């Protein structure tokens, strides 16, 4: 019913930039949060950035990416973007798009993209 389509991953050198995009399709409530999470090899999945669909936009960034990454949205297209600048090798991970609609019986009501690989290396 709901599908998240990601694009923009790839290989870049340290200091380079990438722009990820994620488009959500299907039927879901109009109030939601979209965001990006990442998981490096042997590591847990961590939040990168989130953005709300409310008229008053709220942002949430991991400390490790503040001032380097920027999340933005196009609500008409149900699409979020992640502009990644000044990339570092430690940013290397699989990046997952997330659509969060709330909670049901204490469990997240959300959908995930398939993940896109971002590799920062010389």
N, C-alpha and C. Protein backbone atom coordinates (compact mmCIF):
# COMPACT_ATOMS: atom_id res chain seq x y z
N UNK A 1 0.82 -1.20 0.00
CA UNK A 1 0.00 0.00 0.00
C UNK A 1 0.86 1.26 0.00
N UNK A 2 1.89 1.27 0.81
CA UNK A 2 2.80 2.40 0.90
C UNK A 2 4.18 1.94 0.45
N UNK A 3 4.78 2.73 -0.41
CA UNK A 3 6.09 2.41 -0.92
C UNK A 3 6.98 3.64 -0.85
N UNK A 4 8.20 3.45 -0.42
CA UNK A 4 9.19 4.51 -0.36
C UNK A 4 10.27 4.22 -1.39
N UNK A 5 10.50 5.16 -2.27
CA UNK A 5 11.48 5.00 -3.33
C UNK A 5 12.61 5.98 -3.09
N UNK A 6 13.80 5.43 -2.88
CA UNK A 6 14.98 6.22 -2.58
C UNK A 6 15.89 6.31 -3.79
N UNK A 7 16.66 7.39 -3.84
CA UNK A 7 17.65 7.55 -4.88
C UNK A 7 18.72 8.52 -4.41
N UNK A 8 19.86 8.51 -5.07
CA UNK A 8 20.90 9.47 -4.81
C UNK A 8 22.15 8.94 -4.14
N UNK A 9 22.13 7.69 -3.69
CA UNK A 9 23.30 7.13 -3.06
C UNK A 9 24.41 6.89 -4.06
N UNK A 10 25.61 6.65 -3.53
CA UNK A 10 26.73 6.39 -4.39
C UNK A 10 28.05 6.52 -3.67
N UNK A 11 29.11 6.61 -4.45
CA UNK A 11 30.47 6.72 -3.94
C UNK A 11 30.98 8.13 -4.16
N UNK A 12 31.47 8.75 -3.10
CA UNK A 12 32.05 10.08 -3.18
C UNK A 12 33.33 10.13 -2.36
N UNK A 13 34.18 11.10 -2.68
CA UNK A 13 35.40 11.31 -1.93
C UNK A 13 35.14 12.14 -0.69
N UNK A 14 35.98 12.01 0.33
CA UNK A 14 35.82 12.87 1.50
C UNK A 14 35.76 14.34 1.12
N UNK A 15 34.84 15.06 1.75
CA UNK A 15 34.62 16.45 1.43
C UNK A 15 33.60 16.69 0.34
N UNK A 16 33.18 15.63 -0.31
CA UNK A 16 32.21 15.75 -1.38
C UNK A 16 30.79 15.85 -0.88
N UNK A 17 29.86 15.86 -1.83
CA UNK A 17 28.45 16.02 -1.50
C UNK A 17 27.59 15.01 -2.23
N UNK A 18 26.47 14.68 -1.62
CA UNK A 18 25.44 13.86 -2.23
C UNK A 18 24.09 14.39 -1.81
N UNK A 19 23.10 14.15 -2.64
CA UNK A 19 21.73 14.51 -2.31
C UNK A 19 20.85 13.28 -2.45
N UNK A 20 20.27 12.86 -1.35
CA UNK A 20 19.35 11.74 -1.34
C UNK A 20 17.92 12.24 -1.45
N UNK A 21 17.09 11.46 -2.09
CA UNK A 21 15.68 11.77 -2.16
C UNK A 21 14.87 10.53 -1.86
N UNK A 22 13.68 10.74 -1.33
CA UNK A 22 12.78 9.64 -0.99
C UNK A 22 11.35 10.09 -1.24
N UNK A 23 10.68 9.40 -2.13
CA UNK A 23 9.29 9.70 -2.46
C UNK A 23 8.38 8.61 -1.92
N UNK A 24 7.36 9.02 -1.19
CA UNK A 24 6.39 8.10 -0.63
C UNK A 24 5.14 8.07 -1.50
N UNK A 25 4.70 6.88 -1.83
CA UNK A 25 3.49 6.71 -2.62
C UNK A 25 2.53 5.78 -1.90
N UNK A 26 1.25 5.93 -2.19
CA UNK A 26 0.23 5.12 -1.55
C UNK A 26 -0.72 5.98 -0.74
N UNK A 27 -1.47 5.32 0.12
CA UNK A 27 -2.48 5.99 0.93
C UNK A 27 -2.05 6.03 2.39
N UNK A 28 -1.97 7.24 2.95
CA UNK A 28 -1.62 7.39 4.35
C UNK A 28 -2.09 8.76 4.83
N UNK A 29 -2.13 8.92 6.15
CA UNK A 29 -2.60 10.15 6.75
C UNK A 29 -1.74 11.34 6.35
N UNK A 30 -2.33 12.51 6.41
CA UNK A 30 -1.65 13.71 5.96
C UNK A 30 -0.65 14.25 6.97
N UNK A 31 -0.78 13.86 8.22
CA UNK A 31 0.15 14.29 9.26
C UNK A 31 1.15 13.16 9.51
N UNK A 32 2.40 13.45 9.23
CA UNK A 32 3.41 12.41 9.33
C UNK A 32 4.79 13.04 9.49
N UNK A 33 5.73 12.19 9.77
CA UNK A 33 7.13 12.58 9.84
C UNK A 33 7.93 11.71 8.88
N UNK A 34 8.77 12.33 8.10
CA UNK A 34 9.67 11.59 7.24
C UNK A 34 11.10 11.88 7.67
N UNK A 35 11.96 10.92 7.44
CA UNK A 35 13.32 11.12 7.87
C UNK A 35 14.28 10.11 7.28
N UNK A 36 15.51 10.27 7.69
CA UNK A 36 16.59 9.40 7.24
C UNK A 36 17.29 8.79 8.43
N UNK A 37 17.58 7.52 8.33
CA UNK A 37 18.36 6.78 9.30
C UNK A 37 19.50 6.10 8.56
N UNK A 38 20.52 5.73 9.28
CA UNK A 38 21.64 5.05 8.64
C UNK A 38 22.19 3.96 9.54
N UNK A 39 22.77 2.97 8.89
CA UNK A 39 23.36 1.84 9.60
C UNK A 39 24.67 1.46 8.93
N UNK A 40 25.75 1.64 9.65
CA UNK A 40 27.06 1.23 9.18
C UNK A 40 27.29 -0.24 9.52
N UNK A 41 28.26 -0.85 8.85
CA UNK A 41 28.57 -2.25 9.10
C UNK A 41 28.91 -2.47 10.56
N UNK A 42 28.25 -3.43 11.16
CA UNK A 42 28.50 -3.77 12.55
C UNK A 42 27.96 -2.78 13.55
N UNK A 43 27.17 -1.81 13.10
CA UNK A 43 26.63 -0.78 13.97
C UNK A 43 25.11 -0.84 14.01
N UNK A 44 24.55 -0.16 14.98
CA UNK A 44 23.11 -0.06 15.08
C UNK A 44 22.58 0.99 14.11
N UNK A 45 21.29 0.93 13.87
CA UNK A 45 20.65 1.92 13.02
C UNK A 45 20.40 3.20 13.82
N UNK A 46 20.88 4.31 13.31
CA UNK A 46 20.79 5.57 14.03
C UNK A 46 20.04 6.62 13.21
N UNK A 47 19.40 7.51 13.93
CA UNK A 47 18.72 8.64 13.29
C UNK A 47 19.73 9.59 12.68
N UNK A 48 19.42 10.07 11.49
CA UNK A 48 20.21 11.11 10.84
C UNK A 48 19.47 12.44 10.92
N UNK A 49 18.25 12.47 10.41
CA UNK A 49 17.46 13.69 10.42
C UNK A 49 16.00 13.35 10.16
N UNK A 50 15.10 14.14 10.73
CA UNK A 50 13.67 14.00 10.47
C UNK A 50 13.06 15.36 10.23
N UNK A 51 11.92 15.35 9.58
CA UNK A 51 11.18 16.58 9.31
C UNK A 51 9.69 16.24 9.33
N UNK A 52 8.89 17.14 9.90
CA UNK A 52 7.46 16.90 10.00
C UNK A 52 6.73 17.47 8.80
N UNK A 53 5.51 16.99 8.59
CA UNK A 53 4.65 17.48 7.52
C UNK A 53 3.71 18.58 7.98
N UNK A 54 3.75 18.95 9.26
CA UNK A 54 2.88 19.98 9.81
C UNK A 54 3.19 21.33 9.20
N UNK A 55 2.21 22.24 9.30
CA UNK A 55 2.42 23.59 8.79
C UNK A 55 3.60 24.26 9.47
N UNK A 56 3.75 24.00 10.77
CA UNK A 56 4.92 24.44 11.50
C UNK A 56 5.95 23.33 11.46
N UNK A 57 6.97 23.52 10.66
CA UNK A 57 7.95 22.47 10.41
C UNK A 57 8.89 22.31 11.59
N UNK A 58 9.10 21.07 11.97
CA UNK A 58 10.05 20.74 13.03
C UNK A 58 11.15 19.87 12.45
N UNK A 59 12.37 20.18 12.84
CA UNK A 59 13.54 19.45 12.38
C UNK A 59 14.22 18.75 13.53
N UNK A 60 14.86 17.65 13.22
CA UNK A 60 15.63 16.93 14.20
C UNK A 60 16.86 16.34 13.51
N UNK A 61 18.05 16.70 14.01
CA UNK A 61 19.30 16.24 13.42
C UNK A 61 20.14 15.53 14.46
N UNK A 62 20.84 14.51 14.01
CA UNK A 62 21.86 13.92 14.85
C UNK A 62 23.01 14.91 15.01
N UNK A 63 23.61 14.91 16.19
CA UNK A 63 24.70 15.84 16.45
C UNK A 63 25.84 15.68 15.45
N UNK A 64 26.07 14.47 14.99
CA UNK A 64 27.19 14.19 14.11
C UNK A 64 27.03 14.78 12.72
N UNK A 65 25.81 15.19 12.35
CA UNK A 65 25.59 15.71 11.00
C UNK A 65 25.12 17.15 10.99
N UNK A 66 24.91 17.74 12.15
CA UNK A 66 24.48 19.14 12.21
C UNK A 66 25.51 20.03 11.52
N UNK A 67 25.01 21.00 10.77
CA UNK A 67 25.82 21.97 10.03
C UNK A 67 26.46 21.37 8.78
N UNK A 68 26.24 20.09 8.54
CA UNK A 68 26.72 19.47 7.31
C UNK A 68 25.59 18.94 6.44
N UNK A 69 24.57 18.37 7.07
CA UNK A 69 23.43 17.81 6.35
C UNK A 69 22.23 18.73 6.50
N UNK A 70 21.39 18.74 5.48
CA UNK A 70 20.16 19.52 5.52
C UNK A 70 19.01 18.67 4.99
N UNK A 71 17.97 18.56 5.79
CA UNK A 71 16.79 17.83 5.36
C UNK A 71 15.73 18.83 4.91
N UNK A 72 15.02 18.50 3.85
CA UNK A 72 13.97 19.36 3.34
C UNK A 72 12.83 18.49 2.81
N UNK A 73 11.73 19.12 2.47
CA UNK A 73 10.55 18.36 2.06
C UNK A 73 9.80 19.06 0.95
N UNK A 74 9.01 18.27 0.26
CA UNK A 74 8.02 18.77 -0.69
C UNK A 74 6.75 18.00 -0.37
N UNK A 75 5.88 18.60 0.44
CA UNK A 75 4.69 17.90 0.91
C UNK A 75 3.74 17.54 -0.23
N UNK A 76 3.70 18.37 -1.26
CA UNK A 76 2.83 18.07 -2.39
C UNK A 76 3.23 16.78 -3.08
N UNK A 77 4.50 16.45 -3.01
CA UNK A 77 5.02 15.24 -3.64
C UNK A 77 5.30 14.14 -2.63
N UNK A 78 5.04 14.41 -1.35
CA UNK A 78 5.37 13.46 -0.28
C UNK A 78 6.82 12.98 -0.43
N UNK A 79 7.70 13.93 -0.60
CA UNK A 79 9.09 13.64 -0.85
C UNK A 79 9.98 14.38 0.13
N UNK A 80 11.00 13.71 0.61
CA UNK A 80 12.00 14.35 1.45
C UNK A 80 13.36 14.22 0.78
N UNK A 81 14.22 15.18 1.10
CA UNK A 81 15.56 15.22 0.55
C UNK A 81 16.56 15.34 1.69
N UNK A 82 17.73 14.83 1.44
CA UNK A 82 18.82 14.98 2.39
C UNK A 82 20.05 15.45 1.62
N UNK A 83 20.38 16.71 1.80
CA UNK A 83 21.59 17.27 1.20
C UNK A 83 22.75 17.02 2.15
N UNK A 84 23.73 16.29 1.69
CA UNK A 84 24.87 15.91 2.51
C UNK A 84 26.12 16.58 1.96
N UNK A 85 26.69 17.47 2.75
CA UNK A 85 27.90 18.19 2.37
C UNK A 85 29.03 17.83 3.32
N UNK A 86 30.25 18.13 2.88
CA UNK A 86 31.44 17.87 3.69
C UNK A 86 31.44 16.45 4.22
N UNK A 87 31.19 15.51 3.34
CA UNK A 87 31.07 14.12 3.75
C UNK A 87 32.39 13.58 4.29
N UNK A 88 32.26 12.73 5.28
CA UNK A 88 33.39 12.11 5.94
C UNK A 88 33.31 10.60 5.80
N UNK A 89 34.45 9.90 5.89
CA UNK A 89 34.41 8.44 5.82
C UNK A 89 33.45 7.82 6.83
N UNK A 90 33.32 8.42 7.99
CA UNK A 90 32.42 7.88 9.00
C UNK A 90 30.95 8.04 8.65
N UNK A 91 30.65 8.77 7.58
CA UNK A 91 29.28 8.85 7.09
C UNK A 91 28.90 7.64 6.24
N UNK A 92 29.87 6.81 5.93
CA UNK A 92 29.62 5.62 5.13
C UNK A 92 28.62 4.71 5.84
N UNK A 93 27.54 4.39 5.16
CA UNK A 93 26.49 3.57 5.75
C UNK A 93 25.42 3.31 4.71
N UNK A 94 24.51 2.42 5.05
CA UNK A 94 23.29 2.29 4.29
C UNK A 94 22.28 3.27 4.87
N UNK A 95 21.73 4.11 4.04
CA UNK A 95 20.78 5.12 4.47
C UNK A 95 19.37 4.66 4.14
N UNK A 96 18.51 4.72 5.14
CA UNK A 96 17.14 4.27 5.01
C UNK A 96 16.17 5.42 5.16
N UNK A 97 15.23 5.51 4.26
CA UNK A 97 14.14 6.47 4.36
C UNK A 97 13.05 5.91 5.26
N UNK A 98 12.45 6.77 6.06
CA UNK A 98 11.42 6.37 7.00
C UNK A 98 10.21 7.28 6.91
N UNK A 99 9.04 6.67 6.92
CA UNK A 99 7.77 7.39 6.99
C UNK A 99 7.08 6.97 8.28
N UNK A 100 6.93 7.91 9.20
CA UNK A 100 6.35 7.62 10.51
C UNK A 100 4.99 8.29 10.62
N UNK A 101 3.97 7.48 10.90
CA UNK A 101 2.60 7.97 10.95
C UNK A 101 2.05 8.08 12.37
N UNK A 102 2.74 7.53 13.34
CA UNK A 102 2.29 7.55 14.71
C UNK A 102 2.57 6.22 15.38
N UNK A 103 1.77 5.90 16.39
CA UNK A 103 1.91 4.63 17.09
C UNK A 103 0.56 3.95 17.20
N UNK A 104 0.57 2.64 17.17
CA UNK A 104 -0.61 1.82 17.33
C UNK A 104 -0.32 0.78 18.40
N UNK A 105 -1.09 0.82 19.49
CA UNK A 105 -0.88 -0.10 20.61
C UNK A 105 0.57 -0.08 21.08
N UNK A 106 1.14 1.11 21.10
CA UNK A 106 2.50 1.28 21.58
C UNK A 106 3.58 0.90 20.59
N UNK A 107 3.20 0.53 19.39
CA UNK A 107 4.17 0.15 18.37
C UNK A 107 4.19 1.19 17.25
N UNK A 108 5.34 1.40 16.65
CA UNK A 108 5.42 2.40 15.58
C UNK A 108 4.57 2.02 14.37
N UNK A 109 3.91 2.99 13.82
CA UNK A 109 3.20 2.84 12.56
C UNK A 109 4.07 3.54 11.52
N UNK A 110 4.84 2.78 10.82
CA UNK A 110 5.82 3.37 9.94
C UNK A 110 6.20 2.43 8.80
N UNK A 111 6.85 3.02 7.81
CA UNK A 111 7.31 2.29 6.66
C UNK A 111 8.76 2.65 6.39
N UNK A 112 9.46 1.73 5.77
CA UNK A 112 10.88 1.91 5.50
C UNK A 112 11.19 1.69 4.03
N UNK A 113 12.14 2.45 3.54
CA UNK A 113 12.66 2.21 2.21
C UNK A 113 13.62 1.03 2.22
N UNK A 114 14.09 0.67 1.05
CA UNK A 114 14.96 -0.50 0.92
C UNK A 114 16.39 -0.21 1.32
N UNK A 115 16.74 1.05 1.44
CA UNK A 115 18.09 1.45 1.80
C UNK A 115 18.92 1.76 0.57
N UNK A 116 19.78 2.75 0.70
CA UNK A 116 20.69 3.11 -0.37
C UNK A 116 22.08 3.30 0.21
N UNK A 117 23.07 2.74 -0.46
CA UNK A 117 24.44 2.76 0.05
C UNK A 117 25.10 4.09 -0.24
N UNK A 118 25.69 4.67 0.80
CA UNK A 118 26.53 5.85 0.67
C UNK A 118 27.92 5.48 1.14
N UNK A 119 28.89 5.63 0.26
CA UNK A 119 30.27 5.30 0.58
C UNK A 119 31.14 6.52 0.38
N UNK A 120 31.85 6.91 1.42
CA UNK A 120 32.75 8.06 1.38
C UNK A 120 34.16 7.53 1.53
N UNK A 121 34.92 7.57 0.45
CA UNK A 121 36.25 6.98 0.45
C UNK A 121 37.08 7.56 -0.68
N UNK A 122 38.40 7.58 -0.46
CA UNK A 122 39.32 7.97 -1.51
C UNK A 122 39.62 6.81 -2.43
